[in-house]
PDB file of N, CA and C in Angstrom:
ATOM      1  N   MET A   1      -1.566  16.112  22.880  1.00  0.00           N
ATOM      2  CA  MET A   1      -0.459  16.367  22.107  1.00  0.00           C
ATOM      3  C   MET A   1      -0.976  17.169  20.855  1.00  0.00           C
ATOM      4  N   ALA A   2      -0.174  18.164  20.371  1.00  0.00           N
ATOM      5  CA  ALA A   2      -0.673  18.992  19.347  1.00  0.00           C
ATOM      6  C   ALA A   2       0.337  18.600  18.116  1.00  0.00           C
ATOM      7  N   ILE A   3      -0.254  18.559  16.992  1.00  0.00           N
ATOM      8  CA  ILE A   3       0.610  18.492  15.696  1.00  0.00           C
ATOM      9  C   ILE A   3       0.056  19.508  14.821  1.00  0.00           C
ATOM     10  N   ASN A   4       1.028  20.368  14.478  1.00  0.00           N
ATOM     11  CA  ASN A   4       0.540  21.389  13.523  1.00  0.00           C
ATOM     12  C   ASN A   4      -0.847  22.139  13.842  1.00  0.00           C
ATOM     13  N   GLY A   5      -0.972  22.293  15.023  1.00  0.00           N
ATOM     14  CA  GLY A   5      -2.317  22.851  15.417  1.00  0.00           C
ATOM     15  C   GLY A   5      -3.492  21.947  15.506  1.00  0.00           C
ATOM     16  N   LEU A   6      -3.084  20.601  15.282  1.00  0.00           N
ATOM     17  CA  LEU A   6      -4.262  19.673  15.309  1.00  0.00           C
ATOM     18  C   LEU A   6      -3.935  19.029  16.808  1.00  0.00           C
ATOM     19  N   THR A   7      -5.153  18.654  17.410  1.00  0.00           N
ATOM     20  CA  THR A   7      -5.093  18.173  18.583  1.00  0.00           C
ATOM     21  C   THR A   7      -5.233  16.469  18.520  1.00  0.00           C
ATOM     22  N   VAL A   8      -4.127  15.773  19.094  1.00  0.00           N
ATOM     23  CA  VAL A   8      -4.258  14.335  19.083  1.00  0.00           C
ATOM     24  C   VAL A   8      -4.662  14.119  20.418  1.00  0.00           C
ATOM     25  N   THR A   9      -5.884  13.342  20.444  1.00  0.00           N
ATOM     26  CA  THR A   9      -6.328  13.041  21.854  1.00  0.00           C
ATOM     27  C   THR A   9      -5.776  11.514  22.090  1.00  0.00           C
ATOM     28  N   GLU A  10      -6.252  11.134  23.473  1.00  0.00           N
ATOM     29  CA  GLU A  10      -5.977   9.759  23.762  1.00  0.00           C
ATOM     30  C   GLU A  10      -6.436   8.657  22.980  1.00  0.00           C
ATOM     31  N   SER A  11      -7.581   9.055  22.143  1.00  0.00           N
ATOM     32  CA  SER A  11      -8.108   8.030  21.271  1.00  0.00           C
ATOM     33  C   SER A  11      -7.211   7.957  20.005  1.00  0.00           C
ATOM     34  N   LYS A  12      -7.640   7.080  19.016  1.00  0.00           N
ATOM     35  CA  LYS A  12      -6.974   6.864  17.787  1.00  0.00           C
ATOM     36  C   LYS A  12      -7.290   7.876  16.832  1.00  0.00           C
ATOM     37  N   TYR A  13      -7.923   8.970  17.199  1.00  0.00           N
ATOM     38  CA  TYR A  13      -8.429   9.984  16.042  1.00  0.00           C
ATOM     39  C   TYR A  13      -7.563  11.238  16.210  1.00  0.00           C
ATOM     40  N   VAL A  14      -7.296  11.807  14.942  1.00  0.00           N
ATOM     41  CA  VAL A  14      -6.771  13.051  14.776  1.00  0.00           C
ATOM     42  C   VAL A  14      -7.646  13.968  14.073  1.00  0.00           C
ATOM     43  N   LYS A  15      -7.810  15.023  14.347  1.00  0.00           N
ATOM     44  CA  LYS A  15      -8.761  16.067  13.646  1.00  0.00           C
ATOM     45  C   LYS A  15      -8.015  16.725  12.673  1.00  0.00           C
ATOM     46  N   ALA A  16      -8.630  16.757  11.416  1.00  0.00           N
ATOM     47  CA  ALA A  16      -7.965  17.456  10.085  1.00  0.00           C
ATOM     48  C   ALA A  16      -9.170  18.047   9.449  1.00  0.00           C
ATOM     49  N   ARG A  17      -8.789  18.997   8.608  1.00  0.00           N
ATOM     50  CA  ARG A  17      -9.881  19.597   7.759  1.00  0.00           C
ATOM     51  C   ARG A  17      -9.422  19.685   6.368  1.00  0.00           C
ATOM     52  N   LEU A  18     -10.421  19.529   5.494  1.00  0.00           N
ATOM     53  CA  LEU A  18     -10.385  19.503   4.019  1.00  0.00           C
ATOM     54  C   LEU A  18     -10.126  20.920   3.619  1.00  0.00           C
ATOM     55  N   ASN A  19      -9.291  21.094   2.717  1.00  0.00           N
ATOM     56  CA  ASN A  19      -9.146  22.510   2.190  1.00  0.00           C
ATOM     57  C   ASN A  19     -10.152  22.577   0.965  1.00  0.00           C
ATOM     58  N   GLU A  20     -10.183  23.862   0.315  1.00  0.00           N
ATOM     59  CA  GLU A  20     -11.179  24.161  -0.640  1.00  0.00           C
ATOM     60  C   GLU A  20     -11.065  23.182  -1.969  1.00  0.00           C
ATOM     61  N   ASN A  21      -9.928  22.656  -2.110  1.00  0.00           N
ATOM     62  CA  ASN A  21      -9.899  21.593  -3.180  1.00  0.00           C
ATOM     63  C   ASN A  21     -10.105  20.183  -2.853  1.00  0.00           C
ATOM     64  N   GLY A  22     -10.552  19.988  -1.626  1.00  0.00           N
ATOM     65  CA  GLY A  22     -11.054  18.684  -1.157  1.00  0.00           C
ATOM     66  C   GLY A  22      -9.728  17.894  -0.661  1.00  0.00           C
ATOM     67  N   ARG A  23      -8.539  18.447  -0.548  1.00  0.00           N
ATOM     68  CA  ARG A  23      -7.308  17.731  -0.148  1.00  0.00           C
ATOM     69  C   ARG A  23      -7.369  17.898   1.542  1.00  0.00           C
ATOM     70  N   ILE A  24      -6.829  16.752   1.957  1.00  0.00           N
ATOM     71  CA  ILE A  24      -6.489  16.716   3.472  1.00  0.00           C
ATOM     72  C   ILE A  24      -4.985  16.213   3.696  1.00  0.00           C
ATOM     73  N   VAL A  25      -4.364  16.878   4.607  1.00  0.00           N
ATOM     74  CA  VAL A  25      -3.056  16.519   4.906  1.00  0.00           C
ATOM     75  C   VAL A  25      -3.061  15.439   5.828  1.00  0.00           C
ATOM     76  N   ILE A  26      -2.242  14.353   5.703  1.00  0.00           N
ATOM     77  CA  ILE A  26      -2.043  13.241   6.738  1.00  0.00           C
ATOM     78  C   ILE A  26      -1.099  13.786   7.721  1.00  0.00           C
ATOM     79  N   PRO A  27      -1.501  13.910   9.042  1.00  0.00           N
ATOM     80  CA  PRO A  27      -0.625  14.315   9.978  1.00  0.00           C
ATOM     81  C   PRO A  27       0.680  13.410  10.091  1.00  0.00           C
ATOM     82  N   ALA A  28       1.726  14.198  10.601  1.00  0.00           N
ATOM     83  CA  ALA A  28       3.186  13.508  10.660  1.00  0.00           C
ATOM     84  C   ALA A  28       2.918  12.216  11.619  1.00  0.00           C
ATOM     85  N   GLU A  29       2.379  12.333  12.596  1.00  0.00           N
ATOM     86  CA  GLU A  29       2.205  11.297  13.430  1.00  0.00           C
ATOM     87  C   GLU A  29       1.695   9.971  12.806  1.00  0.00           C
ATOM     88  N   ILE A  30       0.575  10.173  12.084  1.00  0.00           N
ATOM     89  CA  ILE A  30      -0.140   9.033  11.239  1.00  0.00           C
ATOM     90  C   ILE A  30       0.857   8.585  10.103  1.00  0.00           C
ATOM     91  N   ARG A  31       1.416   9.486   9.341  1.00  0.00           N
ATOM     92  CA  ARG A  31       2.416   9.188   8.330  1.00  0.00           C
ATOM     93  C   ARG A  31       3.643   8.198   8.960  1.00  0.00           C
ATOM     94  N   GLN A  32       3.983   8.730  10.090  1.00  0.00           N
ATOM     95  CA  GLN A  32       5.070   7.826  10.698  1.00  0.00           C
ATOM     96  C   GLN A  32       4.584   6.439  11.061  1.00  0.00           C
ATOM     97  N   LYS A  33       3.430   6.392  11.663  1.00  0.00           N
ATOM     98  CA  LYS A  33       2.926   4.961  12.092  1.00  0.00           C
ATOM     99  C   LYS A  33       2.606   4.219  10.914  1.00  0.00           C
ATOM    100  N   LEU A  34       2.207   4.739   9.674  1.00  0.00           N
ATOM    101  CA  LEU A  34       2.054   3.938   8.499  1.00  0.00           C
ATOM    102  C   LEU A  34       3.229   3.793   7.619  1.00  0.00           C
ATOM    103  N   GLU A  35       4.417   4.495   8.117  1.00  0.00           N
ATOM    104  CA  GLU A  35       5.521   4.410   7.426  1.00  0.00           C
ATOM    105  C   GLU A  35       5.373   4.960   5.935  1.00  0.00           C
ATOM    106  N   LEU A  36       4.671   6.084   5.737  1.00  0.00           N
ATOM    107  CA  LEU A  36       4.390   6.614   4.564  1.00  0.00           C
ATOM    108  C   LEU A  36       5.620   7.776   4.350  1.00  0.00           C
ATOM    109  N   ARG A  37       6.062   7.745   3.126  1.00  0.00           N
ATOM    110  CA  ARG A  37       7.046   8.756   2.507  1.00  0.00           C
ATOM    111  C   ARG A  37       6.462   9.450   1.299  1.00  0.00           C
ATOM    112  N   PRO A  38       6.975  10.635   1.100  1.00  0.00           N
ATOM    113  CA  PRO A  38       6.580  11.430   0.005  1.00  0.00           C
ATOM    114  C   PRO A  38       6.691  10.458  -1.405  1.00  0.00           C
ATOM    115  N   GLY A  39       5.534  10.621  -2.181  1.00  0.00           N
ATOM    116  CA  GLY A  39       5.565   9.638  -3.220  1.00  0.00           C
ATOM    117  C   GLY A  39       4.872   8.320  -3.050  1.00  0.00           C
ATOM    118  N   ASP A  40       4.666   7.862  -1.917  1.00  0.00           N
ATOM    119  CA  ASP A  40       4.129   6.508  -1.674  1.00  0.00           C
ATOM    120  C   ASP A  40       2.673   6.546  -2.268  1.00  0.00           C
ATOM    121  N   ILE A  41       2.199   5.479  -2.613  1.00  0.00           N
ATOM    122  CA  ILE A  41       0.893   5.246  -3.041  1.00  0.00           C
ATOM    123  C   ILE A  41       0.072   4.760  -1.746  1.00  0.00           C
ATOM    124  N   VAL A  42      -1.230   5.453  -1.655  1.00  0.00           N
ATOM    125  CA  VAL A  42      -2.069   5.018  -0.557  1.00  0.00           C
ATOM    126  C   VAL A  42      -3.414   4.540  -1.168  1.00  0.00           C
ATOM    127  N   LEU A  43      -3.985   3.661  -0.587  1.00  0.00           N
ATOM    128  CA  LEU A  43      -5.226   3.199  -1.007  1.00  0.00           C
ATOM    129  C   LEU A  43      -6.451   3.701  -0.138  1.00  0.00           C
ATOM    130  N   LEU A  44      -7.407   4.150  -0.739  1.00  0.00           N
ATOM    131  CA  LEU A  44      -8.544   4.715   0.045  1.00  0.00           C
ATOM    132  C   LEU A  44      -9.929   3.862  -0.125  1.00  0.00           C
ATOM    133  N   SER A  45     -10.603   3.696   0.969  1.00  0.00           N
ATOM    134  CA  SER A  45     -11.682   2.776   0.806  1.00  0.00           C
ATOM    135  C   SER A  45     -12.705   3.467   1.726  1.00  0.00           C
ATOM    136  N   VAL A  46     -13.972   3.229   1.460  1.00  0.00           N
ATOM    137  CA  VAL A  46     -15.157   3.816   2.385  1.00  0.00           C
ATOM    138  C   VAL A  46     -15.894   2.426   2.897  1.00  0.00           C
ATOM    139  N   GLU A  47     -16.017   2.226   4.141  1.00  0.00           N
ATOM    140  CA  GLU A  47     -16.698   1.060   4.677  1.00  0.00           C
ATOM    141  C   GLU A  47     -17.927   1.761   5.470  1.00  0.00           C
ATOM    142  N   ASP A  48     -19.004   1.552   5.095  1.00  0.00           N
ATOM    143  CA  ASP A  48     -20.176   2.426   5.734  1.00  0.00           C
ATOM    144  C   ASP A  48     -19.959   3.801   5.347  1.00  0.00           C
ATOM    145  N   ASP A  49     -19.703   4.579   6.470  1.00  0.00           N
ATOM    146  CA  ASP A  49     -19.428   6.026   6.314  1.00  0.00           C
ATOM    147  C   ASP A  49     -18.292   6.379   6.907  1.00  0.00           C
ATOM    148  N   VAL A  50     -17.220   5.377   6.824  1.00  0.00           N
ATOM    149  CA  VAL A  50     -15.782   5.527   7.416  1.00  0.00           C
ATOM    150  C   VAL A  50     -14.814   5.434   6.303  1.00  0.00           C
ATOM    151  N   LEU A  51     -13.910   6.504   6.154  1.00  0.00           N
ATOM    152  CA  LEU A  51     -12.867   6.533   5.198  1.00  0.00           C
ATOM    153  C   LEU A  51     -11.698   5.864   5.764  1.00  0.00           C
ATOM    154  N   LYS A  52     -11.101   4.954   5.081  1.00  0.00           N
ATOM    155  CA  LYS A  52      -9.818   4.245   5.431  1.00  0.00           C
ATOM    156  C   LYS A  52      -8.861   4.470   4.489  1.00  0.00           C
ATOM    157  N   ILE A  53      -7.522   4.793   4.973  1.00  0.00           N
ATOM    158  CA  ILE A  53      -6.249   4.986   4.272  1.00  0.00           C
ATOM    159  C   ILE A  53      -5.306   3.780   4.624  1.00  0.00           C
ATOM    160  N   GLU A  54      -4.696   3.268   3.510  1.00  0.00           N
ATOM    161  CA  GLU A  54      -3.786   2.153   3.701  1.00  0.00           C
ATOM    162  C   GLU A  54      -2.723   2.307   2.728  1.00  0.00           C
ATOM    163  N   SER A  55      -1.582   2.097   3.263  1.00  0.00           N
ATOM    164  CA  SER A  55      -0.402   2.077   2.281  1.00  0.00           C
ATOM    165  C   SER A  55      -0.475   0.837   1.378  1.00  0.00           C
ATOM    166  N   HIS A  56      -0.089   1.242   0.094  1.00  0.00           N
ATOM    167  CA  HIS A  56      -0.074   0.033  -0.923  1.00  0.00           C
ATOM    168  C   HIS A  56       1.020  -1.044  -0.245  1.00  0.00           C
ATOM    169  N   ARG A  57       2.037  -0.622   0.204  1.00  0.00           N
ATOM    170  CA  ARG A  57       2.994  -1.583   0.782  1.00  0.00           C
ATOM    171  C   ARG A  57       2.353  -2.449   1.791  1.00  0.00           C
ATOM    172  N   ALA A  58       1.494  -1.909   2.747  1.00  0.00           N
ATOM    173  CA  ALA A  58       0.935  -2.636   3.715  1.00  0.00           C
ATOM    174  C   ALA A  58      -0.099  -3.738   3.154  1.00  0.00           C
ATOM    175  N   ARG A  59      -0.844  -3.169   2.145  1.00  0.00           N
ATOM    176  CA  ARG A  59      -1.923  -4.164   1.316  1.00  0.00           C
ATOM    177  C   ARG A  59      -1.224  -5.238   0.699  1.00  0.00           C
ATOM    178  N   VAL A  60      -0.019  -5.056   0.043  1.00  0.00           N
ATOM    179  CA  VAL A  60       0.717  -6.200  -0.553  1.00  0.00           C
ATOM    180  C   VAL A  60       1.200  -7.013   0.500  1.00  0.00           C
ATOM    181  N   ARG A  61       1.711  -6.658   1.687  1.00  0.00           N
ATOM    182  CA  ARG A  61       2.156  -7.407   2.844  1.00  0.00           C
ATOM    183  C   ARG A  61       1.016  -8.400   3.377  1.00  0.00           C
ATOM    184  N   ARG A  62      -0.090  -7.698   3.424  1.00  0.00           N
ATOM    185  CA  ARG A  62      -1.208  -8.635   3.921  1.00  0.00           C
ATOM    186  C   ARG A  62      -1.769  -9.614   2.967  1.00  0.00           C
ATOM    187  N   ILE A  63      -1.772  -9.169   1.680  1.00  0.00           N
ATOM    188  CA  ILE A  63      -2.080 -10.131   0.835  1.00  0.00           C
ATOM    189  C   ILE A  63      -1.022 -11.406   0.652  1.00  0.00           C
ATOM    190  N   GLN A  64       0.255 -10.993   0.818  1.00  0.00           N
ATOM    191  CA  GLN A  64       1.232 -12.119   0.720  1.00  0.00           C
ATOM    192  C   GLN A  64       1.107 -13.095   2.110  1.00  0.00           C
ATOM    193  N   GLU A  65       0.834 -12.422   3.192  1.00  0.00           N
ATOM    194  CA  GLU A  65       0.667 -13.097   4.303  1.00  0.00           C
ATOM    195  C   GLU A  65      -0.687 -14.129   4.230  1.00  0.00           C
ATOM    196  N   SER A  66      -1.724 -13.537   3.574  1.00  0.00           N
ATOM    197  CA  SER A  66      -2.791 -14.474   3.486  1.00  0.00           C
ATOM    198  C   SER A  66      -2.526 -15.577   2.486  1.00  0.00           C
ATOM    199  N   LEU A  67      -1.744 -15.343   1.481  1.00  0.00           N
ATOM    200  CA  LEU A  67      -1.424 -16.490   0.454  1.00  0.00           C
ATOM    201  C   LEU A  67      -0.541 -17.504   0.930  1.00  0.00           C
ATOM    202  N   ARG A  68       0.260 -17.003   1.910  1.00  0.00           N
ATOM    203  CA  ARG A  68       1.372 -17.973   2.462  1.00  0.00           C
ATOM    204  C   ARG A  68       0.846 -19.341   2.818  1.00  0.00           C
ATOM    205  N   GLN A  69      -0.334 -19.281   3.315  1.00  0.00           N
ATOM    206  CA  GLN A  69      -0.962 -20.574   3.909  1.00  0.00           C
ATOM    207  C   GLN A  69      -0.956 -21.582   2.802  1.00  0.00           C
ATOM    208  N   PHE A  70      -1.135 -21.322   1.441  1.00  0.00           N
ATOM    209  CA  PHE A  70      -1.137 -22.058   0.491  1.00  0.00           C
ATOM    210  C   PHE A  70       0.095 -22.677   0.043  1.00  0.00           C
ATOM    211  N   ILE A  71       1.146 -22.183   0.600  1.00  0.00           N
ATOM    212  CA  ILE A  71       2.478 -22.721   0.223  1.00  0.00           C
ATOM    213  C   ILE A  71       3.187 -23.318   1.216  1.00  0.00           C
ATOM    214  N   PRO A  72       3.415 -24.803   1.070  1.00  0.00           N
ATOM    215  CA  PRO A  72       4.070 -25.450   1.982  1.00  0.00           C
ATOM    216  C   PRO A  72       5.531 -24.760   2.483  1.00  0.00           C
ATOM    217  N   GLN A  73       5.731 -24.846   3.858  1.00  0.00           N
ATOM    218  CA  GLN A  73       6.981 -24.186   4.272  1.00  0.00           C
ATOM    219  C   GLN A  73       8.161 -24.765   3.669  1.00  0.00           C
ATOM    220  N   GLU A  74       8.396 -25.977   3.390  1.00  0.00           N
ATOM    221  CA  GLU A  74       9.491 -26.490   2.715  1.00  0.00           C
ATOM    222  C   GLU A  74       9.693 -26.161   1.320  1.00  0.00           C
ATOM    223  N   ARG A  75       8.727 -25.448   0.679  1.00  0.00           N
ATOM    224  CA  ARG A  75       8.734 -25.084  -0.638  1.00  0.00           C
ATOM    225  C   ARG A  75       9.337 -23.850  -0.741  1.00  0.00           C
ATOM    226  N   LEU A  76      10.251 -23.611  -1.676  1.00  0.00           N
ATOM    227  CA  LEU A  76      10.889 -22.151  -2.013  1.00  0.00           C
ATOM    228  C   LEU A  76      10.547 -21.770  -3.326  1.00  0.00           C
ATOM    229  N   LEU A  77       9.581 -20.897  -3.518  1.00  0.00           N
ATOM    230  CA  LEU A  77       9.315 -20.530  -4.888  1.00  0.00           C
ATOM    231  C   LEU A  77      10.216 -19.862  -5.707  1.00  0.00           C
ATOM    232  N   SER A  78      11.234 -19.278  -4.979  1.00  0.00           N
ATOM    233  CA  SER A  78      12.304 -18.531  -5.620  1.00  0.00           C
ATOM    234  C   SER A  78      13.243 -19.626  -6.328  1.00  0.00           C
ATOM    235  N   ASP A  79      13.314 -20.815  -5.643  1.00  0.00           N
ATOM    236  CA  ASP A  79      14.262 -21.854  -6.259  1.00  0.00           C
ATOM    237  C   ASP A  79      13.393 -22.357  -7.490  1.00  0.00           C
ATOM    238  N   GLU A  80      12.188 -22.507  -7.324  1.00  0.00           N
ATOM    239  CA  GLU A  80      11.413 -23.041  -8.400  1.00  0.00           C
ATOM    240  C   GLU A  80      11.456 -22.118  -9.596  1.00  0.00           C
ATOM    241  N   LEU A  81      11.309 -20.863  -9.473  1.00  0.00           N
ATOM    242  CA  LEU A  81      11.461 -19.752 -10.461  1.00  0.00           C
ATOM    243  C   LEU A  81      12.770 -19.912 -11.252  1.00  0.00           C
ATOM    244  N   ILE A  82      13.861 -19.946 -10.518  1.00  0.00           N
ATOM    245  CA  ILE A  82      15.207 -20.062 -10.997  1.00  0.00           C
ATOM    246  C   ILE A  82      15.440 -21.325 -11.937  1.00  0.00           C
ATOM    247  N   ALA A  83      14.883 -22.423 -11.332  1.00  0.00           N
ATOM    248  CA  ALA A  83      14.969 -23.689 -12.078  1.00  0.00           C
ATOM    249  C   ALA A  83      14.113 -23.690 -13.336  1.00  0.00           C
ATOM    250  N   ASP A  84      12.952 -22.936 -13.221  1.00  0.00           N
ATOM    251  CA  ASP A  84      12.222 -22.873 -14.446  1.00  0.00           C
ATOM    252  C   ASP A  84      12.750 -22.000 -15.421  1.00  0.00           C
ATOM    253  N   ARG A  85      13.507 -20.903 -14.975  1.00  0.00           N
ATOM    254  CA  ARG A  85      14.111 -19.876 -15.977  1.00  0.00           C
ATOM    255  C   ARG A  85      15.453 -20.579 -16.643  1.00  0.00           C
ATOM    256  N   ARG A  86      16.074 -21.398 -15.778  1.00  0.00           N
ATOM    257  CA  ARG A  86      17.226 -22.105 -16.344  1.00  0.00           C
ATOM    258  C   ARG A  86      16.803 -23.134 -17.430  1.00  0.00           C
ATOM    259  N   GLU A  87      15.746 -23.741 -17.121  1.00  0.00           N
ATOM    260  CA  GLU A  87      15.182 -24.787 -18.100  1.00  0.00           C
ATOM    261  C   GLU A  87      14.934 -23.937 -19.354  1.00  0.00           C
ATOM    262  N   GLU A  88      14.103 -22.864 -19.401  1.00  0.00           N
ATOM    263  CA  GLU A  88      13.657 -22.165 -20.383  1.00  0.00           C
ATOM    264  C   GLU A  88      14.954 -21.687 -21.172  1.00  0.00           C
ATOM    265  N   SER A  89      15.909 -21.270 -20.510  1.00  0.00           N
ATOM    266  CA  SER A  89      17.257 -20.765 -21.075  1.00  0.00           C
ATOM    267  C   SER A  89      17.793 -22.021 -21.933  1.00  0.00           C
ATOM    268  N   ARG A  90      17.956 -23.248 -21.281  1.00  0.00           N
ATOM    269  CA  ARG A  90      18.498 -24.308 -21.870  1.00  0.00           C
ATOM    270  C   ARG A  90      17.759 -24.643 -23.225  1.00  0.00           C
ATOM    271  N   ARG A  91      16.351 -24.564 -23.067  1.00  0.00           N
ATOM    272  CA  ARG A  91      15.556 -24.815 -24.387  1.00  0.00           C
ATOM    273  C   ARG A  91      15.948 -23.792 -25.381  1.00  0.00           C
ATOM    274  N   GLU A  92      15.984 -22.570 -25.075  1.00  0.00           N
ATOM    275  CA  GLU A  92      16.353 -21.534 -26.129  1.00  0.00           C
ATOM    276  C   GLU A  92      17.632 -21.588 -26.750  1.00  0.00           C
ATOM    277  N   THR A  93      18.650 -22.032 -25.869  1.00  0.00           N
ATOM    278  CA  THR A  93      19.956 -22.282 -26.376  1.00  0.00           C
ATOM    279  C   THR A  93      19.974 -23.512 -27.441  1.00  0.00           C
ATOM    280  N   GLU A  94      19.163 -24.554 -26.971  1.00  0.00           N
ATOM    281  CA  GLU A  94      19.229 -25.758 -27.936  1.00  0.00           C
ATOM    282  C   GLU A  94      18.466 -25.303 -29.269  1.00  0.00           C
ATOM    283  N   GLU A  95      17.481 -24.517 -29.103  1.00  0.00           N
ATOM    284  CA  GLU A  95      16.686 -24.064 -30.419  1.00  0.00           C
ATOM    285  C   GLU A  95      17.663 -23.168 -31.221  1.00  0.00           C
ATOM    286  N   TRP A  96      18.401 -22.440 -30.585  1.00  0.00           N
ATOM    287  CA  TRP A  96      19.252 -21.484 -31.373  1.00  0.00           C
ATOM    288  C   TRP A  96      20.559 -22.133 -32.012  1.00  0.00           C
ATOM    289  N   LEU A  97      21.003 -23.262 -31.339  1.00  0.00           N
ATOM    290  CA  LEU A  97      22.108 -23.971 -31.864  1.00  0.00           C
ATOM    291  C   LEU A  97      21.636 -25.000 -32.829  1.00  0.00           C
ATOM    292  N   GLY A  98      20.255 -25.337 -32.815  1.00  0.00           N
ATOM    293  CA  GLY A  98      19.773 -26.263 -33.823  1.00  0.00           C
ATOM    294  C   GLY A  98      19.882 -27.733 -33.356  1.00  0.00           C
TER     295      GLY A  98
END
């Protein structure tokens, strides 16, 4: 398969070229797979001599999944946050009314 003159092989690699400013275009097929849109933030890392690109959204999702193991399933943090905010509001009202 060819994308903008680039050849996509049966492997997971797509050939691309750096321009004179050091920029590289992420081919459409990869942008679609990563669900990247114009303006999205991507995170770059180098492991050994391999450049990895990850969407910020995917990184956040992965961190949330890894933290989920520390929260019991029956616990709803949103309910706790709402309860905390209501208690804080009640205290502020009492202080204001004297």
